[in-house]
Amino acid sequence: MPTEKQLAEAERLLREFDWSEIDKMSDDQIRAAWAWDKDTVWPTDVELAEFDLVIPAKSRRPPPKEAAE
């Protein structure tokens, strides 16, 4: 389980990362960029079809009354 400090650092890195370069890349270009890392496994279409979308309970709750006003 990550510590609060590790989570804060991960959030900071995600905020500061320049996603514009990634957004310009096709899926094939991304796969090629990851090809050097033998620990990276790209899921197959069959595996992706088996994934379940999980929406955290917090995001399913209705907004507070003061937010709706």
PDB file of N, CA and C in Angstrom:
ATOM      1  N   MET A   1       0.840  -1.180   0.000  1.00  0.00           N
ATOM      2  CA  MET A   1       0.000   0.000   0.000  1.00  0.00           C
ATOM      3  C   MET A   1       0.886   1.245   0.000  1.00  0.00           C
ATOM      4  N   PRO A   2       0.647   2.168  -0.956  1.00  0.00           N
ATOM      5  CA  PRO A   2       1.484   3.370  -0.991  1.00  0.00           C
ATOM      6  C   PRO A   2       1.207   4.293   0.193  1.00  0.00           C
ATOM      7  N   THR A   3       2.244   4.999   0.580  1.00  0.00           N
ATOM      8  CA  THR A   3       2.102   5.947   1.682  1.00  0.00           C
ATOM      9  C   THR A   3       1.487   7.248   1.153  1.00  0.00           C
ATOM     10  N   GLU A   4       1.043   8.106   2.070  1.00  0.00           N
ATOM     11  CA  GLU A   4       0.481   9.410   1.691  1.00  0.00           C
ATOM     12  C   GLU A   4       1.518  10.212   0.897  1.00  0.00           C
ATOM     13  N   LYS A   5       2.769  10.135   1.329  1.00  0.00           N
ATOM     14  CA  LYS A   5       3.840  10.874   0.654  1.00  0.00           C
ATOM     15  C   LYS A   5       4.024  10.369  -0.775  1.00  0.00           C
ATOM     16  N   GLN A   6       3.981   9.049  -0.964  1.00  0.00           N
ATOM     17  CA  GLN A   6       4.128   8.477  -2.300  1.00  0.00           C
ATOM     18  C   GLN A   6       2.956   8.875  -3.194  1.00  0.00           C
ATOM     19  N   LEU A   7       1.749   8.858  -2.652  1.00  0.00           N
ATOM     20  CA  LEU A   7       0.573   9.258  -3.428  1.00  0.00           C
ATOM     21  C   LEU A   7       0.653  10.724  -3.823  1.00  0.00           C
ATOM     22  N   ALA A   8       1.081  11.568  -2.899  1.00  0.00           N
ATOM     23  CA  ALA A   8       1.219  12.993  -3.190  1.00  0.00           C
ATOM     24  C   ALA A   8       2.254  13.217  -4.286  1.00  0.00           C
ATOM     25  N   GLU A   9       3.361  12.493  -4.224  1.00  0.00           N
ATOM     26  CA  GLU A   9       4.400  12.612  -5.239  1.00  0.00           C
ATOM     27  C   GLU A   9       3.892  12.141  -6.596  1.00  0.00           C
ATOM     28  N   ALA A  10       3.147  11.045  -6.625  1.00  0.00           N
ATOM     29  CA  ALA A  10       2.589  10.544  -7.885  1.00  0.00           C
ATOM     30  C   ALA A  10       1.611  11.551  -8.483  1.00  0.00           C
ATOM     31  N   GLU A  11       0.768  12.144  -7.657  1.00  0.00           N
ATOM     32  CA  GLU A  11      -0.175  13.156  -8.138  1.00  0.00           C
ATOM     33  C   GLU A  11       0.568  14.373  -8.683  1.00  0.00           C
ATOM     34  N   ARG A  12       1.626  14.792  -8.011  1.00  0.00           N
ATOM     35  CA  ARG A  12       2.422  15.929  -8.467  1.00  0.00           C
ATOM     36  C   ARG A  12       3.042  15.629  -9.829  1.00  0.00           C
ATOM     37  N   LEU A  13       3.609  14.438  -9.975  1.00  0.00           N
ATOM     38  CA  LEU A  13       4.234  14.068 -11.240  1.00  0.00           C
ATOM     39  C   LEU A  13       3.217  14.025 -12.378  1.00  0.00           C
ATOM     40  N   LEU A  14       2.019  13.509 -12.098  1.00  0.00           N
ATOM     41  CA  LEU A  14       0.978  13.464 -13.126  1.00  0.00           C
ATOM     42  C   LEU A  14       0.540  14.861 -13.546  1.00  0.00           C
ATOM     43  N   ARG A  15       0.436  15.776 -12.582  1.00  0.00           N
ATOM     44  CA  ARG A  15       0.044  17.164 -12.894  1.00  0.00           C
ATOM     45  C   ARG A  15       1.108  17.858 -13.737  1.00  0.00           C
ATOM     46  N   GLU A  16       2.370  17.588 -13.463  1.00  0.00           N
ATOM     47  CA  GLU A  16       3.470  18.285 -14.126  1.00  0.00           C
ATOM     48  C   GLU A  16       3.882  17.646 -15.451  1.00  0.00           C
ATOM     49  N   PHE A  17       3.438  16.435 -15.709  1.00  0.00           N
ATOM     50  CA  PHE A  17       3.845  15.730 -16.928  1.00  0.00           C
ATOM     51  C   PHE A  17       3.224  16.389 -18.155  1.00  0.00           C
ATOM     52  N   ASP A  18       3.995  16.529 -19.232  1.00  0.00           N
ATOM     53  CA  ASP A  18       3.503  17.126 -20.471  1.00  0.00           C
ATOM     54  C   ASP A  18       2.847  16.040 -21.327  1.00  0.00           C
ATOM     55  N   TRP A  19       1.524  15.922 -21.200  1.00  0.00           N
ATOM     56  CA  TRP A  19       0.784  14.890 -21.909  1.00  0.00           C
ATOM     57  C   TRP A  19       0.609  15.205 -23.392  1.00  0.00           C
ATOM     58  N   SER A  20       0.921  16.432 -23.827  1.00  0.00           N
ATOM     59  CA  SER A  20       0.706  16.809 -25.223  1.00  0.00           C
ATOM     60  C   SER A  20       1.524  15.933 -26.177  1.00  0.00           C
ATOM     61  N   GLU A  21       2.712  15.528 -25.758  1.00  0.00           N
ATOM     62  CA  GLU A  21       3.531  14.657 -26.608  1.00  0.00           C
ATOM     63  C   GLU A  21       2.903  13.276 -26.743  1.00  0.00           C
ATOM     64  N   ILE A  22       2.343  12.773 -25.670  1.00  0.00           N
ATOM     65  CA  ILE A  22       1.674  11.466 -25.705  1.00  0.00           C
ATOM     66  C   ILE A  22       0.413  11.548 -26.558  1.00  0.00           C
ATOM     67  N   ASP A  23      -0.339  12.640 -26.426  1.00  0.00           N
ATOM     68  CA  ASP A  23      -1.579  12.807 -27.184  1.00  0.00           C
ATOM     69  C   ASP A  23      -1.323  12.818 -28.695  1.00  0.00           C
ATOM     70  N   LYS A  24      -0.146  13.223 -29.126  1.00  0.00           N
ATOM     71  CA  LYS A  24       0.198  13.278 -30.551  1.00  0.00           C
ATOM     72  C   LYS A  24       0.517  11.895 -31.111  1.00  0.00           C
ATOM     73  N   MET A  25       0.786  10.917 -30.241  1.00  0.00           N
ATOM     74  CA  MET A  25       1.238   9.600 -30.680  1.00  0.00           C
ATOM     75  C   MET A  25       0.060   8.669 -30.958  1.00  0.00           C
ATOM     76  N   SER A  26       0.225   7.811 -31.966  1.00  0.00           N
ATOM     77  CA  SER A  26      -0.760   6.762 -32.226  1.00  0.00           C
ATOM     78  C   SER A  26      -0.512   5.608 -31.255  1.00  0.00           C
ATOM     79  N   ASP A  27      -1.471   4.690 -31.178  1.00  0.00           N
ATOM     80  CA  ASP A  27      -1.291   3.515 -30.320  1.00  0.00           C
ATOM     81  C   ASP A  27      -0.046   2.724 -30.736  1.00  0.00           C
ATOM     82  N   ASP A  28       0.176   2.605 -32.046  1.00  0.00           N
ATOM     83  CA  ASP A  28       1.347   1.860 -32.524  1.00  0.00           C
ATOM     84  C   ASP A  28       2.649   2.542 -32.116  1.00  0.00           C
ATOM     85  N   GLN A  29       2.677   3.869 -32.150  1.00  0.00           N
ATOM     86  CA  GLN A  29       3.876   4.595 -31.729  1.00  0.00           C
ATOM     87  C   GLN A  29       4.116   4.412 -30.228  1.00  0.00           C
ATOM     88  N   ILE A  30       3.050   4.410 -29.456  1.00  0.00           N
ATOM     89  CA  ILE A  30       3.187   4.195 -28.012  1.00  0.00           C
ATOM     90  C   ILE A  30       3.711   2.790 -27.743  1.00  0.00           C
ATOM     91  N   ARG A  31       3.155   1.805 -28.435  1.00  0.00           N
ATOM     92  CA  ARG A  31       3.636   0.427 -28.264  1.00  0.00           C
ATOM     93  C   ARG A  31       5.115   0.313 -28.625  1.00  0.00           C
ATOM     94  N   ALA A  32       5.524   0.974 -29.704  1.00  0.00           N
ATOM     95  CA  ALA A  32       6.929   0.929 -30.129  1.00  0.00           C
ATOM     96  C   ALA A  32       7.831   1.586 -29.088  1.00  0.00           C
ATOM     97  N   ALA A  33       7.352   2.666 -28.481  1.00  0.00           N
ATOM     98  CA  ALA A  33       8.140   3.347 -27.458  1.00  0.00           C
ATOM     99  C   ALA A  33       8.297   2.480 -26.219  1.00  0.00           C
ATOM    100  N   TRP A  34       7.330   1.623 -25.963  1.00  0.00           N
ATOM    101  CA  TRP A  34       7.389   0.746 -24.798  1.00  0.00           C
ATOM    102  C   TRP A  34       8.090  -0.582 -25.094  1.00  0.00           C
ATOM    103  N   ALA A  35       8.361  -0.847 -26.348  1.00  0.00           N
ATOM    104  CA  ALA A  35       8.881  -2.165 -26.743  1.00  0.00           C
ATOM    105  C   ALA A  35      10.190  -2.517 -26.048  1.00  0.00           C
ATOM    106  N   TRP A  36      11.009  -1.530 -25.719  1.00  0.00           N
ATOM    107  CA  TRP A  36      12.290  -1.806 -25.071  1.00  0.00           C
ATOM    108  C   TRP A  36      12.113  -2.381 -23.675  1.00  0.00           C
ATOM    109  N   ASP A  37      10.977  -2.102 -23.031  1.00  0.00           N
ATOM    110  CA  ASP A  37      10.734  -2.561 -21.657  1.00  0.00           C
ATOM    111  C   ASP A  37      10.055  -3.924 -21.703  1.00  0.00           C
ATOM    112  N   LYS A  38      10.819  -4.961 -21.444  1.00  0.00           N
ATOM    113  CA  LYS A  38      10.293  -6.333 -21.549  1.00  0.00           C
ATOM    114  C   LYS A  38       9.271  -6.663 -20.452  1.00  0.00           C
ATOM    115  N   ASP A  39       9.167  -5.825 -19.420  1.00  0.00           N
ATOM    116  CA  ASP A  39       8.184  -6.059 -18.362  1.00  0.00           C
ATOM    117  C   ASP A  39       6.815  -5.485 -18.706  1.00  0.00           C
ATOM    118  N   THR A  40       6.740  -4.679 -19.768  1.00  0.00           N
ATOM    119  CA  THR A  40       5.481  -4.076 -20.172  1.00  0.00           C
ATOM    120  C   THR A  40       4.707  -5.065 -21.029  1.00  0.00           C
ATOM    121  N   VAL A  41       3.469  -5.304 -20.657  1.00  0.00           N
ATOM    122  CA  VAL A  41       2.629  -6.223 -21.416  1.00  0.00           C
ATOM    123  C   VAL A  41       1.380  -5.461 -21.859  1.00  0.00           C
ATOM    124  N   TRP A  42       1.157  -5.423 -23.162  1.00  0.00           N
ATOM    125  CA  TRP A  42      -0.020  -4.760 -23.702  1.00  0.00           C
ATOM    126  C   TRP A  42      -1.166  -5.773 -23.706  1.00  0.00           C
ATOM    127  N   PRO A  43      -2.319  -5.454 -23.075  1.00  0.00           N
ATOM    128  CA  PRO A  43      -3.417  -6.428 -23.039  1.00  0.00           C
ATOM    129  C   PRO A  43      -3.986  -6.679 -24.437  1.00  0.00           C
ATOM    130  N   THR A  44      -4.378  -7.916 -24.669  1.00  0.00           N
ATOM    131  CA  THR A  44      -4.991  -8.280 -25.951  1.00  0.00           C
ATOM    132  C   THR A  44      -6.443  -7.805 -25.957  1.00  0.00           C
ATOM    133  N   ASP A  45      -7.079  -7.830 -27.124  1.00  0.00           N
ATOM    134  CA  ASP A  45      -8.491  -7.451 -27.221  1.00  0.00           C
ATOM    135  C   ASP A  45      -9.361  -8.382 -26.379  1.00  0.00           C
ATOM    136  N   VAL A  46      -8.997  -9.652 -26.312  1.00  0.00           N
ATOM    137  CA  VAL A  46      -9.752 -10.615 -25.497  1.00  0.00           C
ATOM    138  C   VAL A  46      -9.642 -10.242 -24.019  1.00  0.00           C
ATOM    139  N   GLU A  47      -8.435  -9.918 -23.580  1.00  0.00           N
ATOM    140  CA  GLU A  47      -8.241  -9.516 -22.180  1.00  0.00           C
ATOM    141  C   GLU A  47      -8.984  -8.218 -21.873  1.00  0.00           C
ATOM    142  N   LEU A  48      -8.923  -7.254 -22.793  1.00  0.00           N
ATOM    143  CA  LEU A  48      -9.633  -5.998 -22.581  1.00  0.00           C
ATOM    144  C   LEU A  48     -11.142  -6.215 -22.469  1.00  0.00           C
ATOM    145  N   ALA A  49     -11.675  -7.160 -23.242  1.00  0.00           N
ATOM    146  CA  ALA A  49     -13.109  -7.449 -23.202  1.00  0.00           C
ATOM    147  C   ALA A  49     -13.521  -8.033 -21.857  1.00  0.00           C
ATOM    148  N   GLU A  50     -12.578  -8.659 -21.154  1.00  0.00           N
ATOM    149  CA  GLU A  50     -12.880  -9.263 -19.853  1.00  0.00           C
ATOM    150  C   GLU A  50     -12.792  -8.269 -18.701  1.00  0.00           C
ATOM    151  N   PHE A  51     -12.207  -7.095 -18.942  1.00  0.00           N
ATOM    152  CA  PHE A  51     -12.073  -6.093 -17.876  1.00  0.00           C
ATOM    153  C   PHE A  51     -13.436  -5.559 -17.481  1.00  0.00           C
ATOM    154  N   ASP A  52     -13.591  -5.270 -16.217  1.00  0.00           N
ATOM    155  CA  ASP A  52     -14.814  -4.663 -15.713  1.00  0.00           C
ATOM    156  C   ASP A  52     -14.534  -3.204 -15.384  1.00  0.00           C
ATOM    157  N   LEU A  53     -15.448  -2.339 -15.804  1.00  0.00           N
ATOM    158  CA  LEU A  53     -15.339  -0.930 -15.449  1.00  0.00           C
ATOM    159  C   LEU A  53     -15.809  -0.769 -14.013  1.00  0.00           C
ATOM    160  N   VAL A  54     -14.951  -0.211 -13.181  1.00  0.00           N
ATOM    161  CA  VAL A  54     -15.283  -0.007 -11.778  1.00  0.00           C
ATOM    162  C   VAL A  54     -15.323   1.485 -11.513  1.00  0.00           C
ATOM    163  N   ILE A  55     -16.492   1.965 -11.110  1.00  0.00           N
ATOM    164  CA  ILE A  55     -16.645   3.378 -10.784  1.00  0.00           C
ATOM    165  C   ILE A  55     -16.635   3.477  -9.264  1.00  0.00           C
ATOM    166  N   PRO A  56     -15.677   4.213  -8.705  1.00  0.00           N
ATOM    167  CA  PRO A  56     -15.603   4.320  -7.244  1.00  0.00           C
ATOM    168  C   PRO A  56     -16.921   4.816  -6.655  1.00  0.00           C
ATOM    169  N   ALA A  57     -17.284   4.276  -5.508  1.00  0.00           N
ATOM    170  CA  ALA A  57     -18.546   4.631  -4.870  1.00  0.00           C
ATOM    171  C   ALA A  57     -18.641   6.128  -4.613  1.00  0.00           C
ATOM    172  N   LYS A  58     -17.520   6.752  -4.293  1.00  0.00           N
ATOM    173  CA  LYS A  58     -17.521   8.181  -4.008  1.00  0.00           C
ATOM    174  C   LYS A  58     -18.058   8.975  -5.200  1.00  0.00           C
ATOM    175  N   SER A  59     -17.720   8.579  -6.416  1.00  0.00           N
ATOM    176  CA  SER A  59     -18.172   9.317  -7.595  1.00  0.00           C
ATOM    177  C   SER A  59     -19.614   8.997  -7.960  1.00  0.00           C
ATOM    178  N   ARG A  60     -20.193   7.944  -7.381  1.00  0.00           N
ATOM    179  CA  ARG A  60     -21.586   7.590  -7.665  1.00  0.00           C
ATOM    180  C   ARG A  60     -22.558   8.297  -6.742  1.00  0.00           C
ATOM    181  N   ARG A  61     -22.059   8.887  -5.683  1.00  0.00           N
ATOM    182  CA  ARG A  61     -22.933   9.555  -4.733  1.00  0.00           C
ATOM    183  C   ARG A  61     -23.483  10.843  -5.318  1.00  0.00           C
ATOM    184  N   PRO A  62     -24.719  11.187  -4.969  1.00  0.00           N
ATOM    185  CA  PRO A  62     -25.249  12.466  -5.451  1.00  0.00           C
ATOM    186  C   PRO A  62     -24.479  13.622  -4.819  1.00  0.00           C
ATOM    187  N   PRO A  63     -24.377  14.756  -5.521  1.00  0.00           N
ATOM    188  CA  PRO A  63     -23.641  15.881  -4.959  1.00  0.00           C
ATOM    189  C   PRO A  63     -24.345  16.437  -3.722  1.00  0.00           C
ATOM    190  N   PRO A  64     -23.614  17.078  -2.836  1.00  0.00           N
ATOM    191  CA  PRO A  64     -24.245  17.681  -1.671  1.00  0.00           C
ATOM    192  C   PRO A  64     -25.274  18.725  -2.087  1.00  0.00           C
ATOM    193  N   LYS A  65     -26.285  18.936  -1.239  1.00  0.00           N
ATOM    194  CA  LYS A  65     -27.358  19.884  -1.572  1.00  0.00           C
ATOM    195  C   LYS A  65     -26.819  21.265  -1.872  1.00  0.00           C
ATOM    196  N   GLU A  66     -25.819  21.724  -1.133  1.00  0.00           N
ATOM    197  CA  GLU A  66     -25.300  23.084  -1.363  1.00  0.00           C
ATOM    198  C   GLU A  66     -24.628  23.193  -2.727  1.00  0.00           C
ATOM    199  N   ALA A  67     -24.134  22.093  -3.284  1.00  0.00           N
ATOM    200  CA  ALA A  67     -23.492  22.121  -4.592  1.00  0.00           C
ATOM    201  C   ALA A  67     -24.556  22.222  -5.696  1.00  0.00           C
ATOM    202  N   ALA A  68     -25.748  21.719  -5.424  1.00  0.00           N
ATOM    203  CA  ALA A  68     -26.813  21.722  -6.421  1.00  0.00           C
ATOM    204  C   ALA A  68     -27.488  23.077  -6.527  1.00  0.00           C
ATOM    205  N   GLU A  69     -27.315  23.907  -5.543  1.00  0.00           N
ATOM    206  CA  GLU A  69     -27.995  25.211  -5.545  1.00  0.00           C
ATOM    207  C   GLU A  69     -27.313  26.219  -6.407  1.00  0.00           C
TER     208      GLU A  69
END
